[in-house]
N, C-alpha and C. Protein backbone atom coordinates (compact mmCIF):
# COMPACT_ATOMS: atom_id res chain seq x y z
N MET A 1 82.76 82.02 97.39
CA MET A 1 82.81 83.03 96.91
C MET A 1 84.38 82.89 95.65
N THR A 2 84.07 83.54 94.82
CA THR A 2 85.73 83.67 94.17
C THR A 2 86.00 85.15 94.16
N VAL A 3 87.45 85.40 94.46
CA VAL A 3 87.75 86.89 94.67
C VAL A 3 88.45 87.12 93.32
N PRO A 4 87.89 88.06 92.75
CA PRO A 4 88.16 88.90 91.28
C PRO A 4 90.05 89.12 91.34
N ARG A 5 90.54 88.94 90.09
CA ARG A 5 91.53 88.79 90.05
C ARG A 5 92.17 90.43 90.10
N SER A 6 93.57 90.67 90.03
CA SER A 6 93.38 92.18 90.00
C SER A 6 93.49 92.96 88.85
N ASP A 7 93.66 92.30 87.81
CA ASP A 7 93.45 92.90 86.72
C ASP A 7 91.82 93.05 86.21
N GLU A 8 91.32 92.46 87.24
CA GLU A 8 89.50 93.33 86.75
C GLU A 8 88.57 93.57 87.23
N LEU A 9 89.81 93.97 88.47
CA LEU A 9 89.37 95.19 89.38
C LEU A 9 89.49 96.72 88.37
N PRO A 10 88.42 97.65 88.64
CA PRO A 10 88.84 98.86 88.09
C PRO A 10 89.82 99.80 88.75
N PRO A 11 90.54 100.60 88.25
CA PRO A 11 91.29 101.10 88.40
C PRO A 11 91.10 102.00 89.67
N LEU A 12 92.00 101.90 90.66
CA LEU A 12 91.67 103.10 91.75
C LEU A 12 92.55 104.44 91.52
N ASN A 13 91.73 105.36 91.94
CA ASN A 13 92.66 106.95 91.58
C ASN A 13 93.16 106.95 92.91
N PRO A 14 94.31 106.94 93.06
CA PRO A 14 95.00 107.33 94.36
C PRO A 14 95.34 108.82 95.07
N GLY A 15 94.74 109.74 94.18
CA GLY A 15 95.11 110.85 94.06
C GLY A 15 93.93 111.50 94.18
N PRO A 16 93.96 113.25 94.52
CA PRO A 16 92.32 113.76 95.28
C PRO A 16 91.27 113.39 93.66
N ILE A 17 89.95 113.36 94.27
CA ILE A 17 89.13 113.74 93.07
C ILE A 17 89.18 114.97 92.82
N THR A 18 88.61 115.06 91.83
CA THR A 18 88.45 115.93 90.97
C THR A 18 86.37 116.49 90.57
N ARG A 19 86.55 117.44 90.21
CA ARG A 19 85.06 117.53 89.66
C ARG A 19 84.47 116.94 88.89
N ALA A 20 85.61 116.41 87.96
CA ALA A 20 84.74 115.58 86.67
C ALA A 20 84.30 114.17 87.37
N GLU A 21 85.12 113.81 88.53
CA GLU A 21 84.65 112.42 89.19
C GLU A 21 83.74 113.28 90.18
N LEU A 22 83.19 113.74 90.58
CA LEU A 22 82.17 114.40 91.60
C LEU A 22 81.20 113.90 90.61
N ASP A 23 81.36 114.83 89.63
CA ASP A 23 80.24 115.03 88.98
C ASP A 23 79.41 113.61 88.12
N ALA A 24 80.18 112.46 88.19
CA ALA A 24 80.15 111.36 87.90
C ALA A 24 79.48 110.30 88.61
N MET A 25 79.71 110.68 89.95
CA MET A 25 78.87 109.98 90.55
C MET A 25 77.73 109.84 90.77
N PRO A 26 76.81 109.11 91.12
CA PRO A 26 75.67 108.66 91.57
C PRO A 26 75.10 109.55 92.36
N ASP A 27 73.50 109.73 92.48
CA ASP A 27 72.77 110.49 93.36
C ASP A 27 72.62 109.57 94.14
N ASP A 28 72.71 109.70 95.47
CA ASP A 28 72.39 108.53 96.05
C ASP A 28 71.81 109.42 97.45
N GLY A 29 70.97 110.52 97.59
CA GLY A 29 70.65 111.65 98.53
C GLY A 29 71.41 112.03 99.40
N ARG A 30 72.73 111.82 99.83
CA ARG A 30 73.60 112.52 100.51
C ARG A 30 74.08 113.87 99.90
N ARG A 31 74.59 114.47 100.54
CA ARG A 31 75.46 116.06 100.30
C ARG A 31 77.09 115.44 99.96
N HIS A 32 77.41 115.79 98.55
CA HIS A 32 78.65 114.92 98.46
C HIS A 32 79.61 116.48 97.84
N GLU A 33 80.46 116.66 98.86
CA GLU A 33 81.44 118.05 98.52
C GLU A 33 82.93 117.64 98.69
N LEU A 34 83.25 118.68 97.85
CA LEU A 34 85.15 117.82 97.88
C LEU A 34 85.67 119.37 98.21
N LEU A 35 86.46 118.88 99.09
CA LEU A 35 87.36 119.82 99.78
C LEU A 35 88.87 119.30 99.89
N ASP A 36 89.80 119.97 98.76
CA ASP A 36 90.68 119.76 98.24
C ASP A 36 91.44 118.34 98.05
N GLY A 37 89.84 118.11 97.17
CA GLY A 37 90.14 116.82 96.83
C GLY A 37 89.96 115.53 97.40
N VAL A 38 89.36 115.66 98.26
CA VAL A 38 88.64 114.88 99.30
C VAL A 38 87.30 114.97 99.40
N LEU A 39 86.83 113.43 99.32
CA LEU A 39 85.64 113.76 99.29
C LEU A 39 84.46 113.75 100.37
N LEU A 40 83.84 114.69 100.79
CA LEU A 40 82.81 114.33 102.09
C LEU A 40 81.50 114.33 101.90
N VAL A 41 81.16 113.17 102.40
CA VAL A 41 80.06 112.56 102.23
C VAL A 41 79.30 113.10 103.30
N THR A 42 77.84 113.83 103.35
CA THR A 42 77.16 113.30 104.85
C THR A 42 75.59 113.46 104.51
N PRO A 43 75.14 112.89 105.72
CA PRO A 43 73.86 112.46 105.82
C PRO A 43 72.43 113.71 105.62
N ALA A 44 71.30 113.39 104.98
CA ALA A 44 70.66 114.44 104.84
C ALA A 44 70.61 115.17 106.24
N PRO A 45 70.32 116.33 106.38
CA PRO A 45 69.85 117.05 107.84
C PRO A 45 68.98 117.16 108.41
N ALA A 46 68.75 117.18 109.35
CA ALA A 46 67.94 117.16 110.21
C ALA A 46 67.08 118.46 110.31
N PRO A 47 65.72 117.74 110.78
CA PRO A 47 64.81 118.82 110.51
C PRO A 47 64.68 120.42 111.28
N MET A 48 65.36 120.20 112.45
CA MET A 48 65.61 121.62 112.82
C MET A 48 66.69 122.51 112.09
N HIS A 49 67.68 121.98 111.54
CA HIS A 49 68.65 122.26 110.92
C HIS A 49 68.22 123.12 109.42
N GLN A 50 67.02 122.26 108.88
CA GLN A 50 66.16 122.73 107.85
C GLN A 50 65.56 123.47 108.61
N VAL A 51 65.16 123.66 109.44
CA VAL A 51 64.05 125.11 109.68
C VAL A 51 65.21 126.15 109.71
N ALA A 52 66.31 125.95 110.64
CA ALA A 52 66.86 127.19 110.55
C ALA A 52 67.10 127.77 109.13
N VAL A 53 67.97 127.14 108.14
CA VAL A 53 68.46 127.34 106.47
C VAL A 53 66.86 127.97 106.30
N THR A 54 65.93 127.53 106.65
CA THR A 54 64.67 128.59 105.56
C THR A 54 63.99 129.74 106.27
N ARG A 55 64.19 129.54 107.86
CA ARG A 55 64.17 130.68 107.90
C ARG A 55 64.74 131.91 108.08
N LEU A 56 66.43 131.84 108.09
CA LEU A 56 67.42 132.53 107.35
C LEU A 56 67.39 132.82 106.02
N LEU A 57 67.00 132.05 105.26
CA LEU A 57 66.92 132.31 103.58
C LEU A 57 65.92 133.50 103.44
N LEU A 58 64.87 133.05 104.24
CA LEU A 58 63.37 134.04 104.19
C LEU A 58 64.05 135.46 104.68
N MET A 59 64.73 135.70 105.80
CA MET A 59 65.18 137.05 106.44
C MET A 59 66.13 137.59 105.38
N LEU A 60 67.16 137.14 104.92
CA LEU A 60 68.42 137.06 103.81
C LEU A 60 67.46 137.49 102.60
N ASP A 61 66.30 136.39 102.06
CA ASP A 61 66.00 137.52 101.00
C ASP A 61 64.89 138.48 100.81
N ARG A 62 64.59 138.84 102.15
CA ARG A 62 63.41 139.66 102.43
C ARG A 62 64.22 141.22 102.10
N ALA A 63 65.85 141.05 102.45
CA ALA A 63 66.48 142.16 102.71
C ALA A 63 67.61 142.29 101.16
N CYS A 64 67.33 141.36 100.24
CA CYS A 64 68.18 141.64 99.42
C CYS A 64 67.91 142.52 98.65
N PRO A 65 69.14 143.49 97.82
CA PRO A 65 69.41 144.30 96.64
C PRO A 65 69.23 143.59 95.40
N THR A 66 68.37 144.08 94.56
CA THR A 66 68.52 143.91 93.09
C THR A 66 69.84 143.62 92.75
N GLY A 67 70.06 142.64 91.85
CA GLY A 67 71.10 141.92 91.49
C GLY A 67 71.94 141.00 92.08
N LEU A 68 71.71 141.16 93.27
CA LEU A 68 72.04 139.64 94.14
C LEU A 68 70.67 138.52 94.59
N GLU A 69 71.22 136.99 94.24
CA GLU A 69 70.39 136.05 94.79
C GLU A 69 70.69 135.47 95.83
N VAL A 70 69.77 134.99 96.60
CA VAL A 70 69.73 134.33 98.06
C VAL A 70 69.31 133.09 97.26
N LEU A 71 70.18 131.85 97.73
CA LEU A 71 69.65 130.45 97.35
C LEU A 71 70.22 129.55 98.25
N PRO A 72 69.52 128.42 98.43
CA PRO A 72 69.78 127.50 99.37
C PRO A 72 70.77 125.90 98.85
N ALA A 73 71.36 125.43 99.53
CA ALA A 73 71.82 123.95 99.16
C ALA A 73 70.52 123.21 98.87
N PRO A 74 70.89 122.65 97.30
CA PRO A 74 72.24 122.22 97.23
C PRO A 74 72.43 122.86 96.08
N LEU A 75 73.77 123.23 95.71
CA LEU A 75 74.13 124.21 94.73
C LEU A 75 75.86 124.40 94.87
N ASP A 76 76.18 123.89 93.66
CA ASP A 76 78.03 123.64 93.83
C ASP A 76 78.52 125.20 94.26
N VAL A 77 79.44 125.56 94.62
CA VAL A 77 80.38 126.64 94.79
C VAL A 77 81.58 125.71 94.10
N ALA A 78 82.04 126.23 92.68
CA ALA A 78 83.28 125.37 92.54
C ALA A 78 84.20 126.52 92.63
N LEU A 79 85.21 126.32 93.58
CA LEU A 79 86.19 127.45 94.15
C LEU A 79 87.42 126.54 93.55
N SER A 80 87.31 125.39 93.04
CA SER A 80 88.54 125.15 91.95
C SER A 80 88.27 123.55 91.43
N ASP A 81 89.09 122.95 90.93
CA ASP A 81 88.98 121.98 90.50
C ASP A 81 88.72 120.48 91.75
N ASP A 82 89.45 120.87 92.65
CA ASP A 82 89.35 119.76 93.79
C ASP A 82 88.41 120.35 95.06
N THR A 83 87.93 121.82 95.10
CA THR A 83 87.01 122.24 96.15
C THR A 83 85.86 123.06 95.18
N VAL A 84 84.93 121.86 95.42
CA VAL A 84 83.66 122.39 95.22
C VAL A 84 82.48 121.93 96.59
N LEU A 85 82.25 123.10 97.19
CA LEU A 85 81.26 123.19 98.38
C LEU A 85 79.96 123.40 98.07
N GLU A 86 78.84 123.47 99.01
CA GLU A 86 77.64 123.49 99.14
C GLU A 86 77.27 124.44 100.06
N PRO A 87 77.11 125.34 100.15
CA PRO A 87 76.45 126.25 101.31
C PRO A 87 75.26 125.75 101.91
N ASP A 88 75.09 125.89 102.89
CA ASP A 88 73.39 125.85 102.96
C ASP A 88 72.73 127.02 102.64
N VAL A 89 73.00 127.87 102.85
CA VAL A 89 72.45 129.53 102.10
C VAL A 89 73.76 130.30 101.57
N LEU A 90 73.49 130.86 100.19
CA LEU A 90 74.57 131.79 99.58
C LEU A 90 74.07 132.48 99.20
N VAL A 91 75.17 133.89 99.22
CA VAL A 91 74.39 134.75 98.22
C VAL A 91 75.51 135.25 97.56
N ALA A 92 75.17 135.52 96.40
CA ALA A 92 75.90 135.85 95.16
C ALA A 92 75.39 136.84 94.19
N ARG A 93 75.89 137.34 93.28
CA ARG A 93 75.78 138.18 91.88
C ARG A 93 74.86 137.47 91.22
N PHE A 94 73.63 137.91 90.67
CA PHE A 94 72.97 137.29 89.72
C PHE A 94 74.06 136.92 88.52
N GLU A 95 74.69 137.37 88.18
CA GLU A 95 75.29 137.23 86.91
C GLU A 95 76.64 136.18 86.96
N ASP A 96 77.23 135.87 88.61
CA ASP A 96 78.11 135.31 88.59
C ASP A 96 77.79 133.65 88.14
N PHE A 97 76.37 133.53 88.51
CA PHE A 97 75.78 132.07 88.46
C PHE A 97 75.96 131.90 86.95
N THR A 98 76.15 130.23 86.75
CA THR A 98 76.17 129.83 85.10
C THR A 98 75.06 128.84 85.49
N GLU A 99 74.39 128.09 84.16
CA GLU A 99 73.30 127.29 84.73
C GLU A 99 73.46 126.43 85.53
N ARG A 100 74.97 126.10 86.13
CA ARG A 100 75.40 124.26 86.64
C ARG A 100 75.59 124.75 87.75
N ASP A 101 76.62 125.63 87.95
CA ASP A 101 76.65 126.20 89.58
C ASP A 101 76.90 127.88 89.71
N LEU A 102 78.19 128.09 90.44
CA LEU A 102 78.49 129.36 91.02
C LEU A 102 80.11 129.01 90.91
N PRO A 103 80.54 129.67 90.01
CA PRO A 103 82.10 129.09 89.84
C PRO A 103 83.00 129.79 90.45
N LYS A 104 82.72 130.53 91.33
CA LYS A 104 83.34 131.95 91.96
C LYS A 104 82.81 131.83 93.35
N ALA A 105 84.28 132.74 94.23
CA ALA A 105 83.19 132.73 95.39
C ALA A 105 81.98 133.35 95.88
N PRO A 106 80.98 132.99 96.63
CA PRO A 106 79.57 133.69 96.95
C PRO A 106 80.26 135.24 97.78
N LEU A 107 79.17 136.11 97.49
CA LEU A 107 79.73 136.92 98.50
C LEU A 107 79.12 136.53 100.10
N LEU A 108 78.57 135.85 100.05
CA LEU A 108 78.14 135.38 101.90
C LEU A 108 77.98 133.90 101.14
N ALA A 109 78.64 133.31 102.25
CA ALA A 109 78.36 131.61 102.66
C ALA A 109 78.13 131.00 103.78
N VAL A 110 77.12 130.33 104.13
CA VAL A 110 76.30 130.36 105.30
C VAL A 110 76.58 128.35 106.08
N GLU A 111 76.81 128.25 106.83
CA GLU A 111 76.41 127.11 106.96
C GLU A 111 75.88 126.94 108.50
N VAL A 112 74.91 125.60 108.72
CA VAL A 112 74.29 125.88 109.65
C VAL A 112 74.60 124.23 110.34
N LEU A 113 75.46 124.57 111.43
CA LEU A 113 76.07 123.35 111.93
C LEU A 113 75.11 122.43 112.23
N SER A 114 76.13 120.83 112.08
CA SER A 114 75.10 119.73 112.19
C SER A 114 76.07 118.82 113.06
N PRO A 115 75.73 117.74 113.59
CA PRO A 115 76.79 117.15 114.21
C PRO A 115 78.15 116.44 113.33
N SER A 116 77.57 116.34 112.21
CA SER A 116 78.04 115.18 111.22
C SER A 116 79.19 116.69 110.58
N THR A 117 78.71 117.86 110.69
CA THR A 117 79.47 118.82 109.49
C THR A 117 80.10 119.86 110.67
N ARG A 118 79.95 119.99 111.64
CA ARG A 118 80.51 121.00 112.53
C ARG A 118 81.85 121.09 112.70
N ARG A 119 82.92 120.01 112.29
CA ARG A 119 84.28 120.12 112.46
C ARG A 119 84.91 121.16 110.97
N TYR A 120 84.31 120.58 110.36
CA TYR A 120 84.27 121.23 108.51
C TYR A 120 84.04 122.39 108.54
N ASP A 121 82.69 122.78 108.63
CA ASP A 121 82.25 123.97 108.85
C ASP A 121 82.86 125.32 109.20
N LEU A 122 83.56 124.71 110.88
CA LEU A 122 84.07 125.77 111.45
C LEU A 122 85.91 125.50 111.17
N LEU A 123 86.81 124.64 110.52
CA LEU A 123 87.71 124.85 110.26
C LEU A 123 88.06 124.89 108.92
N LEU A 124 87.53 123.99 107.73
CA LEU A 124 87.87 123.65 106.85
C LEU A 124 87.28 124.34 105.94
N LYS A 125 85.90 124.59 106.16
CA LYS A 125 85.20 125.01 105.22
C LYS A 125 85.72 126.64 105.18
N ARG A 126 85.43 127.07 106.32
CA ARG A 126 85.44 128.36 106.79
C ARG A 126 87.29 129.23 106.14
N SER A 127 88.48 128.42 106.09
CA SER A 127 89.67 128.27 105.27
C SER A 127 89.68 128.59 104.46
N ARG A 128 88.50 127.63 103.94
CA ARG A 128 88.69 127.60 101.77
C ARG A 128 87.49 128.70 101.41
N TYR A 129 86.74 129.25 102.23
CA TYR A 129 85.75 130.20 101.40
C TYR A 129 86.98 131.60 102.13
N GLU A 130 88.01 131.68 103.47
CA GLU A 130 88.50 132.64 103.15
C GLU A 130 89.55 132.88 101.91
N ALA A 131 90.42 131.73 101.88
CA ALA A 131 91.54 131.78 100.83
C ALA A 131 91.03 132.25 99.21
N ALA A 132 89.25 131.96 99.49
CA ALA A 132 88.88 132.11 97.63
C ALA A 132 88.27 133.59 97.40
N GLY A 133 88.70 134.14 98.78
CA GLY A 133 88.37 135.44 98.63
C GLY A 133 86.65 135.72 99.05
N THR A 134 86.13 134.54 99.33
CA THR A 134 84.31 135.15 99.93
C THR A 134 84.57 136.61 100.93
N PRO A 135 83.95 137.03 100.72
CA PRO A 135 83.98 138.94 101.77
C PRO A 135 83.34 138.54 102.97
N SER A 136 81.83 137.45 103.19
CA SER A 136 81.36 137.10 104.53
C SER A 136 81.21 135.42 104.64
N TYR A 137 81.08 134.91 105.96
CA TYR A 137 80.95 133.62 106.18
C TYR A 137 80.43 133.36 107.38
N TRP A 138 79.12 133.01 107.57
CA TRP A 138 78.34 133.07 109.00
C TRP A 138 78.28 131.42 109.24
N VAL A 139 78.23 131.07 110.47
CA VAL A 139 78.50 129.81 110.85
C VAL A 139 76.92 130.08 112.10
N VAL A 140 75.83 129.30 111.76
CA VAL A 140 74.66 129.54 112.79
C VAL A 140 74.29 127.87 113.37
N ASP A 141 74.58 127.91 114.90
CA ASP A 141 74.16 126.88 115.55
C ASP A 141 73.03 126.33 115.81
N PRO A 142 72.06 125.97 115.42
CA PRO A 142 70.85 125.98 115.92
C PRO A 142 70.46 125.03 117.03
N ASP A 143 71.74 124.25 117.92
CA ASP A 143 71.48 123.86 118.92
C ASP A 143 71.51 124.79 120.38
N GLU A 144 72.40 125.78 120.32
CA GLU A 144 72.92 126.62 121.08
C GLU A 144 71.47 128.08 121.36
N PRO A 145 71.03 128.61 120.17
CA PRO A 145 71.01 128.79 119.17
C PRO A 145 71.93 129.81 119.05
N SER A 146 72.93 130.21 117.84
CA SER A 146 73.65 131.30 118.05
C SER A 146 74.07 131.87 116.38
N ILE A 147 74.76 132.54 116.48
CA ILE A 147 75.19 132.68 115.06
C ILE A 147 76.24 133.85 114.94
N THR A 148 77.70 133.47 114.27
CA THR A 148 79.21 134.13 114.64
C THR A 148 79.23 133.99 112.89
N ALA A 149 79.11 135.74 112.76
CA ALA A 149 79.42 135.62 111.47
C ALA A 149 81.09 136.41 111.36
N TRP A 150 81.59 136.07 109.97
CA TRP A 150 83.44 136.18 109.97
C TRP A 150 83.50 137.38 108.65
N GLU A 151 84.13 138.85 108.41
CA GLU A 151 84.47 139.66 107.15
C GLU A 151 85.52 139.75 106.55
N LEU A 152 85.99 139.36 105.61
CA LEU A 152 87.30 139.21 104.90
C LEU A 152 88.15 140.79 105.37
N ARG A 153 88.96 140.86 105.99
CA ARG A 153 89.71 142.28 106.05
C ARG A 153 90.83 142.06 105.87
N GLU A 154 91.47 142.92 104.72
CA GLU A 154 92.89 142.21 104.74
C GLU A 154 93.25 140.93 104.20
N GLY A 155 92.70 140.24 103.30
CA GLY A 155 92.38 138.59 103.03
C GLY A 155 92.26 137.68 104.00
N VAL A 156 92.17 137.84 105.65
CA VAL A 156 91.83 137.02 106.67
C VAL A 156 90.97 137.39 107.12
N TYR A 157 89.95 136.21 107.72
CA TYR A 157 88.52 136.62 108.60
C TYR A 157 88.78 137.14 109.51
N ALA A 158 88.01 137.88 110.03
CA ALA A 158 88.48 139.22 111.39
C ALA A 158 86.52 138.65 111.49
N GLU A 159 85.93 138.55 112.92
CA GLU A 159 84.90 138.00 113.61
C GLU A 159 84.15 139.82 113.63
N ALA A 160 83.02 139.73 112.60
CA ALA A 160 82.30 140.84 112.46
C ALA A 160 81.33 140.91 113.72
N GLY A 161 80.59 139.71 114.55
CA GLY A 161 79.75 139.50 115.39
C GLY A 161 79.44 138.44 115.73
N ARG A 162 78.82 138.13 116.81
CA ARG A 162 78.44 137.20 117.04
C ARG A 162 77.30 137.36 118.19
N ALA A 163 75.91 136.27 118.36
CA ALA A 163 74.88 136.66 118.57
C ALA A 163 74.55 135.46 119.54
N THR A 164 73.82 135.34 120.61
CA THR A 164 73.22 134.27 121.01
C THR A 164 71.78 134.05 121.44
N GLY A 165 71.12 132.97 121.35
CA GLY A 165 69.57 133.62 122.29
C GLY A 165 68.55 134.26 121.38
N ASP A 166 68.11 135.07 122.11
CA ASP A 166 67.30 136.48 121.77
C ASP A 166 68.08 138.19 121.47
N GLU A 167 69.55 137.90 121.60
CA GLU A 167 70.11 138.86 121.02
C GLU A 167 70.55 139.65 119.23
N ALA A 168 70.50 140.56 119.20
CA ALA A 168 70.19 140.71 117.71
C ALA A 168 71.79 140.79 117.52
N LEU A 169 72.05 140.23 116.12
CA LEU A 169 73.07 140.92 115.22
C LEU A 169 73.08 141.42 113.88
N GLU A 170 73.06 142.68 114.14
CA GLU A 170 73.14 143.52 113.15
C GLU A 170 74.88 143.47 112.09
N LEU A 171 74.18 143.26 110.55
CA LEU A 171 75.36 142.91 109.77
C LEU A 171 75.25 143.93 108.44
N THR A 172 76.06 144.16 108.09
CA THR A 172 76.17 145.51 106.79
C THR A 172 76.85 144.29 105.79
N LEU A 173 77.46 143.54 105.85
CA LEU A 173 77.62 142.84 104.76
C LEU A 173 77.16 141.24 104.33
N PRO A 174 76.39 140.97 103.01
CA PRO A 174 76.76 141.65 102.03
C PRO A 174 75.93 142.90 102.06
N TYR A 175 74.88 142.83 102.65
CA TYR A 175 73.93 144.19 102.95
C TYR A 175 73.66 144.19 104.14
N PRO A 176 73.29 145.48 104.44
CA PRO A 176 72.30 145.15 105.72
C PRO A 176 71.14 144.18 106.24
N VAL A 177 71.41 143.52 107.26
CA VAL A 177 70.20 142.31 107.79
C VAL A 177 70.53 142.63 109.64
N ARG A 178 69.17 142.33 110.34
CA ARG A 178 69.02 141.89 111.51
C ARG A 178 69.08 140.38 111.43
N ILE A 179 69.65 140.00 112.41
CA ILE A 179 69.49 138.35 112.87
C ILE A 179 69.34 138.62 114.23
N VAL A 180 68.25 137.39 114.32
CA VAL A 180 68.30 136.92 115.96
C VAL A 180 68.27 135.32 116.30
N PRO A 181 69.23 135.14 116.64
CA PRO A 181 69.44 133.38 116.60
C PRO A 181 68.29 132.64 116.77
N ALA A 182 67.58 133.31 118.03
CA ALA A 182 66.46 132.33 118.61
C ALA A 182 65.07 132.40 117.58
N ASP A 183 65.13 133.33 117.02
CA ASP A 183 64.07 133.63 115.80
C ASP A 183 64.20 132.37 114.94
N LEU A 184 65.28 131.86 114.07
CA LEU A 184 65.64 130.89 113.38
C LEU A 184 65.14 129.48 114.21
N VAL A 185 65.15 129.00 115.07
CA VAL A 185 64.78 128.06 115.57
C VAL A 185 63.42 127.86 116.30
N ALA A 186 62.79 128.85 116.79
CA ALA A 186 61.53 128.94 117.59
C ALA A 186 60.37 128.30 116.98
N PRO A 187 59.87 127.35 118.09
CA PRO A 187 58.49 126.92 117.37
C PRO A 187 57.52 128.11 116.73
N ARG A 188 56.50 127.85 116.12
CA ARG A 188 55.51 128.78 115.62
C ARG A 188 54.38 128.84 116.36
């Protein structure tokens, strides 16, 4: 085996990854997100994750008022050149979307926890959505099952509510909706 000379290797980008570099990556079936210039690559979600995403999407869509859209991942939310996230579910104004992405903070970003994304979803992504001015951020744990919702108050997330199992959580942002966590994952 011959080892290539250093002048034969492609140049390494020692700095943060940009949106342009993310866009140039080949599609390999995994989720690619940028968080402060750091590439996050996660495997395809498990079936129970997708069940929770689908049911939540349907609940939100049924209550969605005119002028807003409820969409699932994958859809880029470009918060900055070095932070491009893909929430599992989002709500945004129809006019805020481009043909490519959502180039601003959504009204609601929802993450459904997975073992590979739990820490990012609860800490880093939450703080980025907060800094970007996303009015509502929800985290669903399909294993418990539970939902925790935060709302932006004076620029900082405050817990708007939490429910587990058969408890109902009634929220008003981005629009009135009632969610029972057990309904997101219960067998039909």
